Amino acid sequence: MKIKNIQKWERDFVKKKGIALDEKEAKFIAISKLIEEVGETSKDLLEGNWKDIQAEVCDVIVFACKIANIVEDFHGAEELSKVMKKKLGYCETRTYNKDTKKFNKPKHKEFK
């Protein structure tokens, strides 16, 4: 499944279920649910509830895509799939320091 498919599903789901589409309410729902789902994923991971983790990760992805939809729909941002491609390319240029256990942050790059 592609990011575009998830974003389309989320937009269609919101319309089909009659969920409010104004920006203020959409932002509140998106951030509240994303935080909740990240918490549930973290809890399952820490407790070793391996059978539930994948479903929780799916929820995190859906609500992250909802946030991307808000940015695209209300603010004309670039498509998430295009940003993801550029971001992954940026990650490929970074080097890992085993001593500090951190990646470098190349200067003069689009991402930080």
C-alpha atoms as a PDB file:
ATOM      1  CA  MET A   1       0.000   0.000   0.000  1.00  0.00           C
ATOM      2  CA  LYS A   2       1.262   3.461  -0.853  1.00  0.00           C
ATOM      3  CA  ILE A   3       1.086   6.623   1.236  1.00  0.00           C
ATOM      4  CA  LYS A   4      -1.242   8.170  -1.356  1.00  0.00           C
ATOM      5  CA  ASN A   5      -3.656   5.251  -0.835  1.00  0.00           C
ATOM      6  CA  ILE A   6      -3.688   5.739   2.930  1.00  0.00           C
ATOM      7  CA  GLN A   7      -4.269   9.467   2.559  1.00  0.00           C
ATOM      8  CA  LYS A   8      -7.113   8.879   0.099  1.00  0.00           C
ATOM      9  CA  TRP A   9      -8.662   6.279   2.406  1.00  0.00           C
ATOM     10  CA  GLU A  10      -8.495   8.729   5.330  1.00  0.00           C
ATOM     11  CA  ARG A  11     -10.123  11.531   3.316  1.00  0.00           C
ATOM     12  CA  ASP A  12     -12.861   9.171   2.097  1.00  0.00           C
ATOM     13  CA  PHE A  13     -13.400   7.754   5.598  1.00  0.00           C
ATOM     14  CA  VAL A  14     -13.880  11.225   7.086  1.00  0.00           C
ATOM     15  CA  LYS A  15     -16.468  12.106   4.435  1.00  0.00           C
ATOM     16  CA  LYS A  16     -18.255   8.756   4.655  1.00  0.00           C
ATOM     17  CA  LYS A  17     -18.525   8.937   8.467  1.00  0.00           C
ATOM     18  CA  GLY A  18     -19.555  12.606   8.491  1.00  0.00           C
ATOM     19  CA  ILE A  19     -16.600  13.698  10.607  1.00  0.00           C
ATOM     20  CA  ALA A  20     -16.128  17.471  10.789  1.00  0.00           C
ATOM     21  CA  LEU A  21     -13.883  18.763   8.058  1.00  0.00           C
ATOM     22  CA  ASP A  22     -13.005  22.253   9.307  1.00  0.00           C
ATOM     23  CA  GLU A  23      -9.325  22.774  10.013  1.00  0.00           C
ATOM     24  CA  LYS A  24      -9.575  23.523  13.726  1.00  0.00           C
ATOM     25  CA  GLU A  25     -11.513  20.371  14.579  1.00  0.00           C
ATOM     26  CA  ALA A  26      -9.504  18.220  12.168  1.00  0.00           C
ATOM     27  CA  LYS A  27      -6.249  19.352  13.831  1.00  0.00           C
ATOM     28  CA  PHE A  28      -7.600  18.590  17.304  1.00  0.00           C
ATOM     29  CA  ILE A  29      -8.778  15.112  16.306  1.00  0.00           C
ATOM     30  CA  ALA A  30      -5.566  14.332  14.431  1.00  0.00           C
ATOM     31  CA  ILE A  31      -3.119  15.317  17.148  1.00  0.00           C
ATOM     32  CA  SER A  32      -5.174  13.828  19.974  1.00  0.00           C
ATOM     33  CA  LYS A  33      -5.545  10.502  18.199  1.00  0.00           C
ATOM     34  CA  LEU A  34      -1.918  10.419  17.042  1.00  0.00           C
ATOM     35  CA  ILE A  35      -0.692  10.934  20.611  1.00  0.00           C
ATOM     36  CA  GLU A  36      -3.103   8.265  21.869  1.00  0.00           C
ATOM     37  CA  GLU A  37      -2.024   5.737  19.247  1.00  0.00           C
ATOM     38  CA  VAL A  38       1.705   6.382  19.768  1.00  0.00           C
ATOM     39  CA  GLY A  39       1.103   5.804  23.480  1.00  0.00           C
ATOM     40  CA  GLU A  40      -0.730   2.535  22.830  1.00  0.00           C
ATOM     41  CA  THR A  41       2.040   1.394  20.483  1.00  0.00           C
ATOM     42  CA  SER A  42       4.696   2.257  23.056  1.00  0.00           C
ATOM     43  CA  LYS A  43       2.818   0.480  25.828  1.00  0.00           C
ATOM     44  CA  ASP A  44       2.410  -2.686  23.751  1.00  0.00           C
ATOM     45  CA  LEU A  45       6.069  -2.616  22.765  1.00  0.00           C
ATOM     46  CA  LEU A  46       7.285  -2.152  26.350  1.00  0.00           C
ATOM     47  CA  GLU A  47       4.924  -4.841  27.652  1.00  0.00           C
ATOM     48  CA  GLY A  48       5.770  -7.260  24.854  1.00  0.00           C
ATOM     49  CA  ASN A  49       2.208  -7.430  23.471  1.00  0.00           C
ATOM     50  CA  TRP A  50       3.576  -8.504  20.112  1.00  0.00           C
ATOM     51  CA  LYS A  51       0.218  -9.523  18.628  1.00  0.00           C
ATOM     52  CA  ASP A  52      -1.195  -5.978  18.995  1.00  0.00           C
ATOM     53  CA  ILE A  53       1.739  -3.860  17.876  1.00  0.00           C
ATOM     54  CA  GLN A  54       1.201  -4.017  14.109  1.00  0.00           C
ATOM     55  CA  ALA A  55      -2.413  -2.844  14.409  1.00  0.00           C
ATOM     56  CA  GLU A  56      -1.323   0.033  16.649  1.00  0.00           C
ATOM     57  CA  VAL A  57       1.392   1.018  14.163  1.00  0.00           C
ATOM     58  CA  CYS A  58      -1.319   1.104  11.473  1.00  0.00           C
ATOM     59  CA  ASP A  59      -3.312   3.558  13.605  1.00  0.00           C
ATOM     60  CA  VAL A  60      -0.215   5.760  14.029  1.00  0.00           C
ATOM     61  CA  ILE A  61       0.323   5.781  10.258  1.00  0.00           C
ATOM     62  CA  VAL A  62      -3.315   6.668   9.547  1.00  0.00           C
ATOM     63  CA  PHE A  63      -3.313   9.613  11.949  1.00  0.00           C
ATOM     64  CA  ALA A  64       0.079  10.804  10.682  1.00  0.00           C
ATOM     65  CA  CYS A  65      -1.445  10.740   7.190  1.00  0.00           C
ATOM     66  CA  LYS A  66      -4.433  12.669   8.531  1.00  0.00           C
ATOM     67  CA  ILE A  67      -2.055  15.401   9.680  1.00  0.00           C
ATOM     68  CA  ALA A  68      -0.408  15.411   6.239  1.00  0.00           C
ATOM     69  CA  ASN A  69      -3.876  15.707   4.666  1.00  0.00           C
ATOM     70  CA  ILE A  70      -4.637  18.742   6.833  1.00  0.00           C
ATOM     71  CA  VAL A  71      -1.398  20.422   5.760  1.00  0.00           C
ATOM     72  CA  GLU A  72      -2.041  19.601   2.106  1.00  0.00           C
ATOM     73  CA  ASP A  73      -5.760  20.451   2.096  1.00  0.00           C
ATOM     74  CA  PHE A  74      -5.698  23.647   4.143  1.00  0.00           C
ATOM     75  CA  HIS A  75      -2.217  25.012   3.417  1.00  0.00           C
ATOM     76  CA  GLY A  76      -1.288  23.720  -0.040  1.00  0.00           C
ATOM     77  CA  ALA A  77       1.731  21.764   1.181  1.00  0.00           C
ATOM     78  CA  GLU A  78       3.609  19.392  -1.076  1.00  0.00           C
ATOM     79  CA  GLU A  79       2.267  15.828  -1.254  1.00  0.00           C
ATOM     80  CA  LEU A  80       3.488  13.633   1.590  1.00  0.00           C
ATOM     81  CA  SER A  81       4.721  10.929  -0.797  1.00  0.00           C
ATOM     82  CA  LYS A  82       7.004  13.453  -2.524  1.00  0.00           C
ATOM     83  CA  VAL A  83       8.316  14.792   0.781  1.00  0.00           C
ATOM     84  CA  MET A  84       8.895  11.223   1.985  1.00  0.00           C
ATOM     85  CA  LYS A  85      10.976  10.428  -1.081  1.00  0.00           C
ATOM     86  CA  LYS A  86      13.138  13.514  -0.501  1.00  0.00           C
ATOM     87  CA  LYS A  87      13.402  12.834   3.236  1.00  0.00           C
ATOM     88  CA  LEU A  88      14.567   9.247   2.698  1.00  0.00           C
ATOM     89  CA  GLY A  89      17.144  10.512   0.212  1.00  0.00           C
ATOM     90  CA  TYR A  90      18.367  12.979   2.826  1.00  0.00           C
ATOM     91  CA  CYS A  91      18.623  10.186   5.406  1.00  0.00           C
ATOM     92  CA  GLU A  92      20.825   8.234   2.996  1.00  0.00           C
ATOM     93  CA  THR A  93      23.348  11.109   2.997  1.00  0.00           C
ATOM     94  CA  ARG A  94      23.730  11.091   6.787  1.00  0.00           C
ATOM     95  CA  THR A  95      26.498   9.206   8.555  1.00  0.00           C
ATOM     96  CA  TYR A  96      26.238   7.442  11.903  1.00  0.00           C
ATOM     97  CA  ASN A  97      28.720   8.025  14.708  1.00  0.00           C
ATOM     98  CA  LYS A  98      28.982   4.828  16.752  1.00  0.00           C
ATOM     99  CA  ASP A  99      30.641   6.639  19.668  1.00  0.00           C
ATOM    100  CA  THR A 100      27.920   9.255  20.157  1.00  0.00           C
ATOM    101  CA  LYS A 101      25.171   6.990  18.765  1.00  0.00           C
ATOM    102  CA  LYS A 102      23.907   9.871  16.642  1.00  0.00           C
ATOM    103  CA  PHE A 103      23.556  10.706  12.976  1.00  0.00           C
ATOM    104  CA  ASN A 104      25.250  13.811  11.601  1.00  0.00           C
ATOM    105  CA  LYS A 105      23.147  16.662  10.283  1.00  0.00           C
ATOM    106  CA  PRO A 106      24.541  17.693   6.902  1.00  0.00           C
ATOM    107  CA  LYS A 107      24.631  21.435   6.372  1.00  0.00           C
ATOM    108  CA  HIS A 108      22.858  23.071   3.452  1.00  0.00           C
ATOM    109  CA  LYS A 109      20.198  20.372   3.292  1.00  0.00           C
ATOM    110  CA  GLU A 110      16.424  20.794   3.157  1.00  0.00           C
ATOM    111  CA  PHE A 111      15.805  18.735   6.278  1.00  0.00           C
ATOM    112  CA  LYS A 112      17.163  19.124   9.789  1.00  0.00           C
END
